[in-house]
Amino acid sequence: MKLQTALKNLDIETVKEMEAMDSPELKKRVVEANQAMQQVSDELESNEAYQGLKESIKAVTAGKKEVDKRQKSVIAVCLAQLADKGE
């Protein structure tokens, strides 16, 4: 993530707190942030409603993925043929 994008996602107080931290504190904050993301991910994975929705999305999008895969292959072969013909 680019720094400018990251700064837009944070409030000024949080940025000021991090600017005031020394290296060990910053490293600790990185670890805490990663742990927070992992905790939320673990909670979602153990959530039955989330799992059900995730499976429903897979089922609904499977057809589109297959069509996209096939049509991208058609396009690739057509473009290769055109290139072979000098076009």
C-alpha atoms as a PDB file:
ATOM      1  CA  MET A   1       0.000   0.000   0.000  1.00  0.00           C
ATOM      2  CA  LYS A   2       1.311   3.422  -0.877  1.00  0.00           C
ATOM      3  CA  LEU A   3       2.024   5.779   1.997  1.00  0.00           C
ATOM      4  CA  GLN A   4      -0.388   8.437   0.727  1.00  0.00           C
ATOM      5  CA  THR A   5      -3.226   5.910   0.589  1.00  0.00           C
ATOM      6  CA  ALA A   6      -2.366   4.642   4.071  1.00  0.00           C
ATOM      7  CA  LEU A   7      -2.371   8.165   5.467  1.00  0.00           C
ATOM      8  CA  LYS A   8      -5.854   8.783   4.010  1.00  0.00           C
ATOM      9  CA  ASN A   9      -7.129   5.705   5.878  1.00  0.00           C
ATOM     10  CA  LEU A  10      -5.955   6.936   9.288  1.00  0.00           C
ATOM     11  CA  ASP A  11      -7.041   9.768  11.525  1.00  0.00           C
ATOM     12  CA  ILE A  12      -4.543  12.505  12.356  1.00  0.00           C
ATOM     13  CA  GLU A  13      -4.198  11.439  16.000  1.00  0.00           C
ATOM     14  CA  THR A  14      -3.131   7.921  15.047  1.00  0.00           C
ATOM     15  CA  VAL A  15      -0.568   9.265  12.583  1.00  0.00           C
ATOM     16  CA  LYS A  16       0.806  11.660  15.209  1.00  0.00           C
ATOM     17  CA  GLU A  17       1.094   8.819  17.736  1.00  0.00           C
ATOM     18  CA  MET A  18       3.082   6.728  15.250  1.00  0.00           C
ATOM     19  CA  GLU A  19       5.328   9.648  14.322  1.00  0.00           C
ATOM     20  CA  ALA A  20       6.247   9.998  18.001  1.00  0.00           C
ATOM     21  CA  MET A  21       7.161   6.304  18.403  1.00  0.00           C
ATOM     22  CA  ASP A  22      10.718   5.012  18.413  1.00  0.00           C
ATOM     23  CA  SER A  23      11.782   1.979  16.363  1.00  0.00           C
ATOM     24  CA  PRO A  24      10.931  -0.718  18.949  1.00  0.00           C
ATOM     25  CA  GLU A  25       7.482   0.821  19.497  1.00  0.00           C
ATOM     26  CA  LEU A  26       6.866   0.978  15.739  1.00  0.00           C
ATOM     27  CA  LYS A  27       7.875  -2.673  15.351  1.00  0.00           C
ATOM     28  CA  LYS A  28       5.550  -3.624  18.213  1.00  0.00           C
ATOM     29  CA  ARG A  29       2.718  -1.689  16.524  1.00  0.00           C
ATOM     30  CA  VAL A  30       3.307  -3.575  13.265  1.00  0.00           C
ATOM     31  CA  VAL A  31       3.047  -6.895  15.116  1.00  0.00           C
ATOM     32  CA  GLU A  32      -0.133  -5.758  16.901  1.00  0.00           C
ATOM     33  CA  ALA A  33      -1.706  -4.657  13.598  1.00  0.00           C
ATOM     34  CA  ASN A  34      -0.914  -8.015  12.000  1.00  0.00           C
ATOM     35  CA  GLN A  35      -2.340  -9.844  15.011  1.00  0.00           C
ATOM     36  CA  ALA A  36      -5.543  -7.781  14.831  1.00  0.00           C
ATOM     37  CA  MET A  37      -5.983  -8.640  11.145  1.00  0.00           C
ATOM     38  CA  GLN A  38      -5.343 -12.328  11.832  1.00  0.00           C
ATOM     39  CA  GLN A  39      -7.825 -12.354  14.709  1.00  0.00           C
ATOM     40  CA  VAL A  40     -10.587 -10.888  12.533  1.00  0.00           C
ATOM     41  CA  SER A  41      -9.757 -13.360   9.770  1.00  0.00           C
ATOM     42  CA  ASP A  42      -9.884 -16.277  12.215  1.00  0.00           C
ATOM     43  CA  GLU A  43     -13.226 -15.080  13.594  1.00  0.00           C
ATOM     44  CA  LEU A  44     -14.675 -14.867  10.092  1.00  0.00           C
ATOM     45  CA  GLU A  45     -13.422 -18.327   9.179  1.00  0.00           C
ATOM     46  CA  SER A  46     -15.135 -19.791  12.246  1.00  0.00           C
ATOM     47  CA  ASN A  47     -18.388 -17.932  11.559  1.00  0.00           C
ATOM     48  CA  GLU A  48     -20.958 -20.320  10.046  1.00  0.00           C
ATOM     49  CA  ALA A  49     -22.959 -17.534   8.404  1.00  0.00           C
ATOM     50  CA  TYR A  50     -19.823 -16.204   6.715  1.00  0.00           C
ATOM     51  CA  GLN A  51     -18.852 -19.673   5.531  1.00  0.00           C
ATOM     52  CA  GLY A  52     -22.318 -20.205   4.077  1.00  0.00           C
ATOM     53  CA  LEU A  53     -22.203 -16.912   2.230  1.00  0.00           C
ATOM     54  CA  LYS A  54     -18.712 -17.655   0.978  1.00  0.00           C
ATOM     55  CA  GLU A  55     -19.871 -20.986  -0.476  1.00  0.00           C
ATOM     56  CA  SER A  56     -22.942 -19.336  -2.029  1.00  0.00           C
ATOM     57  CA  ILE A  57     -20.748 -16.749  -3.724  1.00  0.00           C
ATOM     58  CA  LYS A  58     -18.496 -19.483  -5.090  1.00  0.00           C
ATOM     59  CA  ALA A  59     -21.515 -21.313  -6.507  1.00  0.00           C
ATOM     60  CA  VAL A  60     -22.993 -18.185  -8.065  1.00  0.00           C
ATOM     61  CA  THR A  61     -19.721 -17.005  -9.635  1.00  0.00           C
ATOM     62  CA  ALA A  62     -18.459 -20.405 -10.832  1.00  0.00           C
ATOM     63  CA  GLY A  63     -20.286 -20.131 -14.152  1.00  0.00           C
ATOM     64  CA  LYS A  64     -18.958 -16.651 -14.836  1.00  0.00           C
ATOM     65  CA  LYS A  65     -15.402 -17.723 -14.050  1.00  0.00           C
ATOM     66  CA  GLU A  66     -15.675 -20.632 -16.483  1.00  0.00           C
ATOM     67  CA  VAL A  67     -17.072 -18.399 -19.244  1.00  0.00           C
ATOM     68  CA  ASP A  68     -14.362 -15.786 -18.610  1.00  0.00           C
ATOM     69  CA  LYS A  69     -11.630 -18.435 -18.708  1.00  0.00           C
ATOM     70  CA  ARG A  70     -12.893 -19.863 -21.995  1.00  0.00           C
ATOM     71  CA  GLN A  71     -13.429 -16.494 -23.663  1.00  0.00           C
ATOM     72  CA  LYS A  72     -10.006 -15.196 -22.590  1.00  0.00           C
ATOM     73  CA  SER A  73      -8.527 -18.327 -24.158  1.00  0.00           C
ATOM     74  CA  VAL A  74     -10.465 -17.662 -27.374  1.00  0.00           C
ATOM     75  CA  ILE A  75      -9.176 -14.080 -27.418  1.00  0.00           C
ATOM     76  CA  ALA A  76      -5.586 -15.206 -26.797  1.00  0.00           C
ATOM     77  CA  VAL A  77      -5.672 -17.745 -29.619  1.00  0.00           C
ATOM     78  CA  CYS A  78      -7.310 -15.273 -32.024  1.00  0.00           C
ATOM     79  CA  LEU A  79      -4.706 -12.611 -31.204  1.00  0.00           C
ATOM     80  CA  ALA A  80      -1.896 -15.125 -31.670  1.00  0.00           C
ATOM     81  CA  GLN A  81      -3.335 -16.131 -35.056  1.00  0.00           C
ATOM     82  CA  LEU A  82      -3.631 -12.483 -36.096  1.00  0.00           C
ATOM     83  CA  ALA A  83      -0.023 -11.892 -35.037  1.00  0.00           C
ATOM     84  CA  ASP A  84       1.089 -14.905 -37.083  1.00  0.00           C
ATOM     85  CA  LYS A  85      -0.700 -13.386 -40.078  1.00  0.00           C
ATOM     86  CA  GLY A  86       1.067 -10.064 -39.534  1.00  0.00           C
ATOM     87  CA  GLU A  87      -1.995  -8.206 -38.304  1.00  0.00           C
END
